[in-house]
C-alpha cells in the first residue's frame, strides 16, 4: 500500500526538480493528489487501528506542510476542499482505496503511524 506522497516525495520537496521537471500546475496537481490520499487515510484508518490520534496528527501536519508547496500562497485546507481539481483528486483517491484489501489498508495505516515515531 503506497500513497502518492511516498511516490512523489522527491518531486515535492526538491526545489531544483520542481523547477526543472514539472510546471507549477503539474506540481499543484501532485500536491493536491498527495493531500487527497492523506485525507483518505485520515478517514479509513480510525476504523482499522486503535490509535487514530497519531493518524490525525500526521495527516494534519503533512497537509499543512504540503499546502505551502501550492502556487497559490496562503491557501487553507478549507479553501482547498472547495477546489474542483482537489475534489476530483479526493474522489480518485477514495476509488483507488477500494482496490486495496483490508490487510493492505491496515498496513498503510500502520506505516503512517510508525512514521510519526
N, C-alpha and C. Protein backbone atom coordinates (compact mmCIF):
# COMPACT_ATOMS: atom_id res chain seq x y z
N UNK A 1 0.86 -1.18 0.00
CA UNK A 1 0.00 0.00 0.00
C UNK A 1 0.90 1.22 0.00
N UNK A 2 0.80 2.04 -1.02
CA UNK A 2 1.70 3.19 -1.14
C UNK A 2 0.90 4.41 -1.55
N UNK A 3 1.06 5.49 -0.80
CA UNK A 3 0.37 6.72 -1.15
C UNK A 3 1.13 7.45 -2.24
N UNK A 4 0.45 8.37 -2.88
CA UNK A 4 1.12 9.20 -3.87
C UNK A 4 2.28 9.94 -3.24
N UNK A 5 2.13 10.34 -1.98
CA UNK A 5 3.19 11.11 -1.34
C UNK A 5 4.47 10.31 -1.24
N UNK A 6 4.36 9.00 -1.01
CA UNK A 6 5.56 8.18 -0.96
C UNK A 6 6.21 8.11 -2.33
N UNK A 7 5.40 8.10 -3.37
CA UNK A 7 5.92 8.01 -4.73
C UNK A 7 6.54 9.32 -5.19
N UNK A 8 6.04 10.44 -4.69
CA UNK A 8 6.41 11.74 -5.24
C UNK A 8 7.17 12.64 -4.27
N UNK A 9 7.65 12.10 -3.17
CA UNK A 9 8.31 12.92 -2.18
C UNK A 9 9.45 13.74 -2.78
N UNK A 10 10.25 13.12 -3.63
CA UNK A 10 11.38 13.84 -4.23
C UNK A 10 10.90 15.03 -5.05
N UNK A 11 9.81 14.87 -5.75
CA UNK A 11 9.31 15.97 -6.56
C UNK A 11 8.77 17.10 -5.71
N UNK A 12 8.13 16.76 -4.60
CA UNK A 12 7.50 17.79 -3.79
C UNK A 12 8.49 18.67 -3.05
N UNK A 13 9.58 18.11 -2.59
CA UNK A 13 10.41 18.85 -1.67
C UNK A 13 11.81 19.16 -2.19
N UNK A 14 12.02 19.05 -3.46
CA UNK A 14 13.30 19.39 -4.04
C UNK A 14 13.07 20.51 -5.05
N UNK A 15 13.43 21.72 -4.65
CA UNK A 15 13.15 22.88 -5.49
C UNK A 15 13.77 22.77 -6.88
N UNK A 16 14.95 22.17 -6.98
CA UNK A 16 15.58 22.04 -8.29
C UNK A 16 14.75 21.15 -9.21
N UNK A 17 14.26 20.05 -8.69
CA UNK A 17 13.42 19.17 -9.51
C UNK A 17 12.12 19.86 -9.87
N UNK A 18 11.55 20.59 -8.93
CA UNK A 18 10.31 21.31 -9.21
C UNK A 18 10.51 22.25 -10.38
N UNK A 19 11.59 22.98 -10.36
CA UNK A 19 11.83 23.98 -11.40
C UNK A 19 12.14 23.33 -12.74
N UNK A 20 12.80 22.19 -12.72
CA UNK A 20 13.28 21.59 -13.95
C UNK A 20 12.37 20.54 -14.57
N UNK A 21 11.59 19.85 -13.77
CA UNK A 21 10.86 18.71 -14.30
C UNK A 21 9.37 18.95 -14.51
N UNK A 22 8.76 19.76 -13.68
CA UNK A 22 7.31 19.92 -13.80
C UNK A 22 6.90 21.38 -13.67
N UNK A 23 5.80 21.70 -14.29
CA UNK A 23 5.29 23.08 -14.22
C UNK A 23 4.60 23.30 -12.89
N UNK A 24 4.29 24.55 -12.60
CA UNK A 24 3.57 24.87 -11.36
C UNK A 24 2.21 24.19 -11.32
N UNK A 25 1.53 24.15 -12.44
CA UNK A 25 0.21 23.50 -12.50
C UNK A 25 0.34 22.00 -12.22
N UNK A 26 1.38 21.39 -12.78
CA UNK A 26 1.59 19.95 -12.54
C UNK A 26 1.97 19.70 -11.08
N UNK A 27 2.81 20.56 -10.52
CA UNK A 27 3.18 20.42 -9.11
C UNK A 27 1.95 20.60 -8.23
N UNK A 28 1.13 21.59 -8.54
CA UNK A 28 -0.10 21.79 -7.77
C UNK A 28 -0.96 20.54 -7.78
N UNK A 29 -1.08 19.90 -8.94
CA UNK A 29 -1.89 18.70 -9.03
C UNK A 29 -1.30 17.57 -8.19
N UNK A 30 0.02 17.40 -8.24
CA UNK A 30 0.68 16.37 -7.43
C UNK A 30 0.43 16.63 -5.95
N UNK A 31 0.58 17.88 -5.53
CA UNK A 31 0.36 18.23 -4.13
C UNK A 31 -1.09 17.95 -3.74
N UNK A 32 -2.03 18.33 -4.58
CA UNK A 32 -3.44 18.09 -4.30
C UNK A 32 -3.73 16.59 -4.21
N UNK A 33 -3.13 15.81 -5.09
CA UNK A 33 -3.31 14.36 -5.05
C UNK A 33 -2.73 13.77 -3.77
N UNK A 34 -1.58 14.27 -3.35
CA UNK A 34 -0.97 13.79 -2.11
C UNK A 34 -1.83 14.12 -0.90
N UNK A 35 -2.33 15.33 -0.86
CA UNK A 35 -3.20 15.74 0.25
C UNK A 35 -4.46 14.88 0.25
N UNK A 36 -5.03 14.66 -0.91
CA UNK A 36 -6.24 13.84 -1.02
C UNK A 36 -5.98 12.42 -0.52
N UNK A 37 -4.86 11.83 -0.92
CA UNK A 37 -4.52 10.48 -0.46
C UNK A 37 -4.37 10.45 1.06
N UNK A 38 -3.73 11.46 1.61
CA UNK A 38 -3.57 11.53 3.07
C UNK A 38 -4.92 11.67 3.76
N UNK A 39 -5.80 12.47 3.18
CA UNK A 39 -7.12 12.66 3.78
C UNK A 39 -7.95 11.38 3.73
N UNK A 40 -7.78 10.58 2.69
CA UNK A 40 -8.46 9.29 2.63
C UNK A 40 -7.97 8.40 3.77
N UNK A 41 -6.66 8.38 3.99
CA UNK A 41 -6.13 7.61 5.12
C UNK A 41 -6.70 8.13 6.44
N UNK A 42 -6.85 9.44 6.54
CA UNK A 42 -7.42 10.04 7.74
C UNK A 42 -8.85 9.54 7.97
N UNK A 43 -9.55 9.23 6.90
CA UNK A 43 -10.92 8.73 7.01
C UNK A 43 -10.98 7.23 7.30
N UNK A 44 -10.12 6.45 6.66
CA UNK A 44 -10.25 5.00 6.79
C UNK A 44 -9.50 4.42 7.98
N UNK A 45 -8.42 5.04 8.39
CA UNK A 45 -7.57 4.45 9.42
C UNK A 45 -8.23 4.33 10.80
N UNK A 46 -9.03 5.28 11.24
CA UNK A 46 -9.62 5.12 12.58
C UNK A 46 -10.42 3.82 12.75
N UNK A 47 -10.99 3.31 11.70
CA UNK A 47 -11.73 2.05 11.78
C UNK A 47 -10.81 0.83 11.76
N UNK A 48 -9.56 1.03 11.37
CA UNK A 48 -8.63 -0.09 11.19
C UNK A 48 -7.59 -0.23 12.28
N UNK A 49 -7.36 0.83 13.02
CA UNK A 49 -6.31 0.82 14.05
C UNK A 49 -6.84 1.46 15.33
N UNK A 50 -6.13 1.26 16.40
CA UNK A 50 -6.61 1.77 17.69
C UNK A 50 -6.19 3.20 17.97
N UNK A 51 -5.09 3.65 17.42
CA UNK A 51 -4.58 4.98 17.74
C UNK A 51 -4.81 5.97 16.60
N UNK A 52 -6.05 6.40 16.46
CA UNK A 52 -6.42 7.33 15.40
C UNK A 52 -5.83 8.72 15.63
N UNK A 53 -5.48 9.03 16.85
CA UNK A 53 -4.92 10.35 17.16
C UNK A 53 -3.61 10.59 16.41
N UNK A 54 -2.76 9.57 16.36
CA UNK A 54 -1.48 9.71 15.64
C UNK A 54 -1.71 9.91 14.15
N UNK A 55 -2.70 9.20 13.61
CA UNK A 55 -3.02 9.35 12.19
C UNK A 55 -3.43 10.79 11.92
N UNK A 56 -4.36 11.30 12.71
CA UNK A 56 -4.84 12.67 12.50
C UNK A 56 -3.70 13.67 12.62
N UNK A 57 -2.84 13.51 13.61
CA UNK A 57 -1.69 14.42 13.77
C UNK A 57 -0.77 14.37 12.56
N UNK A 58 -0.48 13.17 12.09
CA UNK A 58 0.42 13.02 10.95
C UNK A 58 -0.20 13.62 9.69
N UNK A 59 -1.47 13.34 9.45
CA UNK A 59 -2.14 13.84 8.25
C UNK A 59 -2.27 15.36 8.32
N UNK A 60 -2.63 15.88 9.49
CA UNK A 60 -2.74 17.34 9.64
C UNK A 60 -1.40 18.03 9.39
N UNK A 61 -0.34 17.45 9.92
CA UNK A 61 1.00 18.01 9.73
C UNK A 61 1.40 17.94 8.25
N UNK A 62 1.18 16.79 7.63
CA UNK A 62 1.50 16.62 6.22
C UNK A 62 0.72 17.61 5.36
N UNK A 63 -0.57 17.75 5.66
CA UNK A 63 -1.42 18.65 4.88
C UNK A 63 -0.93 20.09 5.01
N UNK A 64 -0.65 20.53 6.23
CA UNK A 64 -0.18 21.90 6.44
C UNK A 64 1.13 22.15 5.69
N UNK A 65 2.04 21.20 5.75
CA UNK A 65 3.32 21.36 5.05
C UNK A 65 3.11 21.35 3.54
N UNK A 66 2.26 20.47 3.06
CA UNK A 66 2.01 20.36 1.62
C UNK A 66 1.36 21.60 1.04
N UNK A 67 0.47 22.21 1.80
CA UNK A 67 -0.20 23.43 1.33
C UNK A 67 0.80 24.53 0.99
N UNK A 68 1.93 24.53 1.67
CA UNK A 68 2.97 25.53 1.42
C UNK A 68 3.59 25.39 0.03
N UNK A 69 3.42 24.21 -0.56
CA UNK A 69 4.04 23.95 -1.87
C UNK A 69 3.11 24.24 -3.04
N UNK A 70 1.90 24.69 -2.74
CA UNK A 70 0.98 25.09 -3.81
C UNK A 70 1.35 26.48 -4.32
N UNK A 71 1.10 26.73 -5.58
CA UNK A 71 1.46 28.03 -6.16
C UNK A 71 0.58 29.16 -5.61
N UNK A 72 -0.61 28.84 -5.16
CA UNK A 72 -1.49 29.85 -4.56
C UNK A 72 -1.10 30.00 -3.09
N UNK A 73 -0.51 31.13 -2.76
CA UNK A 73 0.01 31.36 -1.42
C UNK A 73 -1.10 31.42 -0.38
N UNK A 74 -0.78 30.92 0.81
CA UNK A 74 -1.65 31.01 1.98
C UNK A 74 -3.02 30.37 1.79
N UNK A 75 -3.11 29.34 0.99
CA UNK A 75 -4.36 28.62 0.80
C UNK A 75 -4.59 27.72 2.01
N UNK A 76 -5.77 27.80 2.60
CA UNK A 76 -6.09 26.94 3.73
C UNK A 76 -6.64 25.61 3.22
N UNK A 77 -6.67 24.62 4.09
CA UNK A 77 -7.23 23.34 3.70
C UNK A 77 -8.72 23.48 3.40
N UNK A 78 -9.41 24.30 4.16
CA UNK A 78 -10.84 24.53 3.90
C UNK A 78 -11.04 25.12 2.51
N UNK A 79 -10.18 26.04 2.11
CA UNK A 79 -10.27 26.61 0.76
C UNK A 79 -9.94 25.56 -0.29
N UNK A 80 -8.95 24.74 0.00
CA UNK A 80 -8.56 23.70 -0.95
C UNK A 80 -9.71 22.72 -1.19
N UNK A 81 -10.45 22.40 -0.14
CA UNK A 81 -11.55 21.44 -0.29
C UNK A 81 -12.61 21.92 -1.27
N UNK A 82 -12.67 23.22 -1.51
CA UNK A 82 -13.64 23.78 -2.48
C UNK A 82 -13.11 23.76 -3.91
N UNK A 83 -11.83 23.45 -4.07
CA UNK A 83 -11.18 23.44 -5.38
C UNK A 83 -11.63 22.22 -6.18
N UNK A 84 -12.16 22.41 -7.39
CA UNK A 84 -12.62 21.26 -8.19
C UNK A 84 -11.53 20.24 -8.49
N UNK A 85 -10.31 20.70 -8.72
CA UNK A 85 -9.22 19.77 -9.00
C UNK A 85 -8.92 18.90 -7.77
N UNK A 86 -8.95 19.51 -6.58
CA UNK A 86 -8.76 18.74 -5.35
C UNK A 86 -9.92 17.77 -5.16
N UNK A 87 -11.13 18.23 -5.39
CA UNK A 87 -12.30 17.36 -5.23
C UNK A 87 -12.19 16.13 -6.12
N UNK A 88 -11.75 16.32 -7.35
CA UNK A 88 -11.54 15.18 -8.25
C UNK A 88 -10.44 14.25 -7.73
N UNK A 89 -9.36 14.84 -7.24
CA UNK A 89 -8.26 14.04 -6.70
C UNK A 89 -8.73 13.23 -5.50
N UNK A 90 -9.56 13.83 -4.67
CA UNK A 90 -10.08 13.13 -3.49
C UNK A 90 -10.99 11.97 -3.92
N UNK A 91 -11.86 12.22 -4.89
CA UNK A 91 -12.74 11.15 -5.39
C UNK A 91 -11.92 10.00 -5.97
N UNK A 92 -10.86 10.33 -6.70
CA UNK A 92 -9.99 9.30 -7.28
C UNK A 92 -9.27 8.52 -6.18
N UNK A 93 -8.83 9.22 -5.14
CA UNK A 93 -8.14 8.55 -4.04
C UNK A 93 -9.09 7.61 -3.29
N UNK A 94 -10.33 8.04 -3.13
CA UNK A 94 -11.33 7.17 -2.50
C UNK A 94 -11.57 5.93 -3.35
N UNK A 95 -11.71 6.12 -4.65
CA UNK A 95 -11.94 4.99 -5.55
C UNK A 95 -10.74 4.04 -5.55
N UNK A 96 -9.55 4.60 -5.58
CA UNK A 96 -8.33 3.79 -5.56
C UNK A 96 -8.24 3.00 -4.26
N UNK A 97 -8.69 3.58 -3.18
CA UNK A 97 -8.68 2.92 -1.89
C UNK A 97 -9.47 1.61 -1.93
N UNK A 98 -10.52 1.58 -2.71
CA UNK A 98 -11.35 0.39 -2.80
C UNK A 98 -10.65 -0.78 -3.49
N UNK A 99 -9.55 -0.48 -4.16
CA UNK A 99 -8.79 -1.53 -4.85
C UNK A 99 -7.90 -2.33 -3.89
N UNK A 100 -7.72 -1.83 -2.67
CA UNK A 100 -6.84 -2.47 -1.70
C UNK A 100 -7.63 -3.36 -0.76
N UNK A 101 -6.99 -4.43 -0.31
CA UNK A 101 -7.61 -5.32 0.68
C UNK A 101 -7.57 -4.63 2.05
N UNK A 102 -8.36 -5.15 2.98
CA UNK A 102 -8.35 -4.62 4.35
C UNK A 102 -6.95 -4.72 4.94
N UNK A 103 -6.27 -5.82 4.66
CA UNK A 103 -4.91 -6.02 5.18
C UNK A 103 -3.97 -4.95 4.64
N UNK A 104 -4.06 -4.64 3.36
CA UNK A 104 -3.20 -3.61 2.76
C UNK A 104 -3.52 -2.24 3.33
N UNK A 105 -4.80 -1.97 3.54
CA UNK A 105 -5.20 -0.69 4.13
C UNK A 105 -4.64 -0.57 5.55
N UNK A 106 -4.78 -1.63 6.32
CA UNK A 106 -4.28 -1.60 7.69
C UNK A 106 -2.77 -1.43 7.71
N UNK A 107 -2.08 -2.08 6.78
CA UNK A 107 -0.63 -1.93 6.68
C UNK A 107 -0.26 -0.47 6.39
N UNK A 108 -0.98 0.16 5.48
CA UNK A 108 -0.73 1.56 5.16
C UNK A 108 -0.94 2.46 6.37
N UNK A 109 -1.98 2.18 7.14
CA UNK A 109 -2.25 2.96 8.35
C UNK A 109 -1.15 2.77 9.38
N UNK A 110 -0.71 1.52 9.55
CA UNK A 110 0.37 1.25 10.50
C UNK A 110 1.67 1.91 10.07
N UNK A 111 1.94 1.92 8.77
CA UNK A 111 3.15 2.59 8.28
C UNK A 111 3.09 4.09 8.56
N UNK A 112 1.91 4.65 8.42
CA UNK A 112 1.75 6.07 8.71
C UNK A 112 1.99 6.36 10.18
N UNK A 113 1.46 5.52 11.06
CA UNK A 113 1.69 5.69 12.50
C UNK A 113 3.18 5.56 12.82
N UNK A 114 3.82 4.56 12.24
CA UNK A 114 5.24 4.33 12.54
C UNK A 114 6.13 5.45 12.02
N UNK A 115 5.66 6.17 11.01
CA UNK A 115 6.46 7.29 10.52
C UNK A 115 6.43 8.46 11.48
N UNK A 116 5.48 8.46 12.43
CA UNK A 116 5.38 9.52 13.43
C UNK A 116 6.41 9.30 14.52
N UNK A 117 6.66 8.05 14.83
CA UNK A 117 7.54 7.73 15.97
C UNK A 117 8.99 7.95 15.67
